Protein backbone atom coordinates (compact mmCIF):
# COMPACT_ATOMS: atom_id res chain seq x y z
CA UNK A 1 28.65 27.87 42.19
CA UNK A 2 30.72 30.90 43.08
CA UNK A 3 28.95 34.14 42.15
CA UNK A 4 29.85 36.13 39.06
CA UNK A 5 29.33 39.83 38.49
CA UNK A 6 28.15 41.11 35.11
CA UNK A 7 29.00 44.77 34.53
CA UNK A 8 27.14 46.93 32.02
CA UNK A 9 28.46 50.42 31.39
CA UNK A 10 25.82 52.98 30.43
CA UNK A 11 25.31 54.02 26.82
CA UNK A 12 26.86 56.98 25.05
CA UNK A 13 26.09 60.51 26.30
CA UNK A 14 27.12 63.89 24.95
CA UNK A 15 29.74 64.21 27.68
CA UNK A 16 31.16 60.69 27.31
CA UNK A 17 31.48 61.28 23.57
CA UNK A 18 33.40 64.54 24.12
CA UNK A 19 35.58 63.20 26.95
CA UNK A 20 34.13 65.44 29.68
CA UNK A 21 34.31 63.99 33.18
CA UNK A 22 30.73 63.12 34.06
CA UNK A 23 30.42 62.25 37.71
CA UNK A 24 27.21 63.30 39.40
CA UNK A 25 25.82 65.51 36.61
CA UNK A 26 22.63 63.73 35.58
CA UNK A 27 22.56 63.77 31.79
CA UNK A 28 20.55 61.55 29.43
CA UNK A 29 21.69 59.11 26.80
CA UNK A 30 22.15 60.14 23.20
CA UNK A 31 20.10 58.27 20.60
CA UNK A 32 23.26 56.24 19.93
CA UNK A 33 23.35 55.33 23.62
CA UNK A 34 19.68 54.32 23.67
CA UNK A 35 20.20 52.12 20.61
CA UNK A 36 23.24 50.50 22.23
CA UNK A 37 21.32 49.84 25.44
CA UNK A 38 18.58 48.05 23.48
CA UNK A 39 21.19 45.95 21.66
CA UNK A 40 22.81 45.05 24.98
CA UNK A 41 19.41 43.99 26.29
CA UNK A 42 18.78 41.84 23.23
CA UNK A 43 22.13 40.15 23.82
CA UNK A 44 21.38 39.47 27.48
CA UNK A 45 17.96 38.03 26.62
CA UNK A 46 19.43 35.51 24.13
CA UNK A 47 21.41 32.36 24.91
CA UNK A 48 23.59 31.82 26.83
CA UNK A 49 22.09 34.39 29.24
CA UNK A 50 18.41 34.03 28.31
CA UNK A 51 17.27 36.99 30.37
CA UNK A 52 19.42 36.13 33.39
CA UNK A 53 16.58 34.64 35.41
CA UNK A 54 17.46 34.55 39.10
CA UNK A 55 20.20 37.15 38.75
CA UNK A 56 20.03 40.07 41.18
CA UNK A 57 20.12 43.43 39.36
CA UNK A 58 21.20 46.81 40.68
CA UNK A 59 21.73 50.13 38.95
CA UNK A 60 23.23 53.50 39.63
CA UNK A 61 20.34 55.91 40.20
CA UNK A 62 21.84 58.39 37.72
CA UNK A 63 19.74 58.73 34.56
CA UNK A 64 22.30 57.48 32.04
CA UNK A 65 22.71 54.18 33.92
CA UNK A 66 19.09 53.69 34.96
CA UNK A 67 17.94 54.47 31.40
CA UNK A 68 20.42 51.92 30.02
CA UNK A 69 19.07 49.38 32.51
CA UNK A 70 15.47 50.10 31.49
CA UNK A 71 16.15 49.98 27.75
CA UNK A 72 18.00 46.69 28.23
CA UNK A 73 14.84 45.27 29.79
CA UNK A 74 15.83 45.04 33.46
CA UNK A 75 14.09 48.04 35.06
CA UNK A 76 11.43 45.93 36.77
CA UNK A 77 14.08 43.82 38.49
CA UNK A 78 16.66 46.51 39.27
CA UNK A 79 17.21 48.19 42.61
CA UNK A 80 18.85 51.65 42.54
CA UNK A 81 22.01 51.82 44.64
CA UNK A 82 24.07 54.91 45.41
CA UNK A 83 27.24 52.80 45.75
CA UNK A 84 27.15 52.42 41.94
CA UNK A 85 27.16 56.17 41.24
CA UNK A 86 30.07 57.48 39.20
CA UNK A 87 33.21 58.88 40.82
CA UNK A 88 32.61 62.34 42.27
CA UNK A 89 34.98 64.51 40.20
CA UNK A 90 34.50 67.57 42.39
CA UNK A 91 36.16 70.63 40.85
CA UNK A 92 36.86 68.71 37.65
CA UNK A 93 33.23 67.82 36.92
CA UNK A 94 32.39 68.59 33.30
CA UNK A 95 35.99 69.25 32.26
CA UNK A 96 37.96 67.29 29.67
CA UNK A 97 41.58 66.15 30.18
CA UNK A 98 43.22 69.10 28.34
CA UNK A 99 41.27 71.56 30.50
CA UNK A 100 42.24 69.71 33.67
CA UNK A 101 45.91 69.48 32.66
CA UNK A 102 45.98 73.25 32.06
CA UNK A 103 45.11 73.59 35.77
CA UNK A 104 47.14 70.62 37.05
CA UNK A 105 49.72 69.28 34.57
CA UNK A 106 50.10 65.51 34.68
CA UNK A 107 46.93 64.95 36.70
CA UNK A 108 45.67 61.36 36.73
CA UNK A 109 42.44 60.44 38.49
CA UNK A 110 43.80 56.98 39.36
CA UNK A 111 46.76 58.52 41.21
CA UNK A 112 45.55 61.93 42.36
CA UNK A 113 41.83 61.57 43.00
CA UNK A 114 39.57 64.57 42.41
CA UNK A 115 39.95 67.93 44.20
CA UNK A 116 36.79 68.69 46.20
CA UNK A 117 35.53 65.26 45.11
CA UNK A 118 36.35 61.64 45.90
CA UNK A 119 39.77 60.36 46.86
CA UNK A 120 41.07 56.99 45.74
CA UNK A 121 40.30 55.68 49.24
CA UNK A 122 36.68 56.88 48.91
CA UNK A 123 36.20 55.18 45.54
CA UNK A 124 37.96 52.03 46.75
CA UNK A 125 35.64 51.79 49.77
CA UNK A 126 32.56 52.02 47.52
CA UNK A 127 34.00 49.44 45.13
CA UNK A 128 34.71 47.11 48.08
CA UNK A 129 31.10 47.48 49.22
CA UNK A 130 29.86 46.39 45.78
CA UNK A 131 32.30 43.47 45.59
CA UNK A 132 31.30 42.26 49.07
CA UNK A 133 27.63 42.40 48.11
CA UNK A 134 28.26 40.51 44.85
CA UNK A 135 30.08 37.73 46.69
CA UNK A 136 27.57 37.55 49.56
CA UNK A 137 25.33 34.79 48.21
CA UNK A 138 25.25 31.91 45.76
CA UNK A 139 23.81 33.86 42.82
CA UNK A 140 25.11 35.98 39.96
CA UNK A 141 24.55 39.74 39.86
CA UNK A 142 24.19 42.31 37.09
CA UNK A 143 25.02 45.99 37.63
CA UNK A 144 24.45 49.02 35.42
CA UNK A 145 26.86 51.81 36.21
CA UNK A 146 29.65 54.08 34.96
CA UNK A 147 33.13 53.77 33.50
CA UNK A 148 35.36 54.78 36.39
CA UNK A 149 33.43 53.14 39.23
CA UNK A 150 33.13 49.91 37.21
CA UNK A 151 36.88 49.95 36.59
CA UNK A 152 37.41 50.47 40.32
CA UNK A 153 35.12 47.49 41.02
CA UNK A 154 37.08 45.39 38.52
CA UNK A 155 40.36 46.27 40.23
CA UNK A 156 39.04 45.45 43.71
CA UNK A 157 37.40 42.20 42.53
CA UNK A 158 40.89 41.09 41.49
CA UNK A 159 42.36 42.16 44.84
CA UNK A 160 44.35 44.95 43.18
CA UNK A 161 44.73 48.51 44.40
CA UNK A 162 41.98 50.72 42.99
CA UNK A 163 44.64 52.48 40.88
CA UNK A 164 44.78 49.31 38.73
CA UNK A 165 41.56 50.62 37.19
CA UNK A 166 43.71 52.90 35.03
CA UNK A 167 44.77 49.80 33.06
CA UNK A 168 41.32 48.38 32.30
CA UNK A 169 39.37 50.79 30.12
CA UNK A 170 35.65 50.49 29.42
CA UNK A 171 33.69 51.73 26.42
CA UNK A 172 30.08 52.93 26.58
CA UNK A 173 27.48 50.13 26.57
CA UNK A 174 30.17 47.48 27.10
CA UNK A 175 29.60 44.19 28.89
CA UNK A 176 32.15 42.62 31.23
CA UNK A 177 32.08 39.60 33.52
CA UNK A 178 34.07 39.14 36.71
CA UNK A 179 34.28 35.52 37.82
CA UNK A 180 36.77 32.95 39.09
CA UNK A 181 39.69 30.87 37.83
CA UNK A 182 41.19 28.07 39.94
CA UNK A 183 39.44 29.50 42.99
CA UNK A 184 40.83 33.00 42.56
CA UNK A 185 39.01 36.13 41.36
CA UNK A 186 39.42 36.60 37.60
CA UNK A 187 38.19 38.52 34.59
CA UNK A 188 36.06 36.24 32.40
CA UNK A 189 35.88 38.91 29.71
CA UNK A 190 36.16 42.67 29.64
CA UNK A 191 34.91 45.64 27.59
CA UNK A 192 32.98 43.46 25.14
CA UNK A 193 30.94 45.48 22.66
CA UNK A 194 30.16 42.73 20.13
CA UNK A 195 26.42 43.47 20.50
CA UNK A 196 27.01 46.93 18.99
CA UNK A 197 28.60 45.56 15.82
CA UNK A 198 25.61 43.64 14.44
């Protein structure tokens, strides 16, 4: 069986709710985010996943991702990994798009990178490291991480330039699966938040 990668974005935080770019600032989940993480865990412990026995689990070491991982019931199996940390937004850390555009009209992370932070090449290299690890053995993997780095991983899984991540948005506490179709890398499903609706 070719390996699949399950992607869990962290739950809602104050900054994700307000649209502030949250790279390396280590902020906790809101109560809404904690509730969503528990619901995601309940989903992953029911059929068809049934707790994902045998699946290798890694998490960003940042609190919002590691807390989501723990509340979902995977802390004891998860290994922290710096490659899963969010994009380093440099000078734009903590700013929202209108504030950034006042400084640099038309700025787009997926085209311009982040001043004093990560370039597209930097983020692409980290995403490639995660994809190579996921494909390295005959087992599925589950990662808990952040919106922009997970979108970069999705783009690179598909063999697309990292800038393709601009076209595949992710909501907080969403679940996505990267797999295969006819021998080629594919998206099995993306940005699924059905567990939050019940």
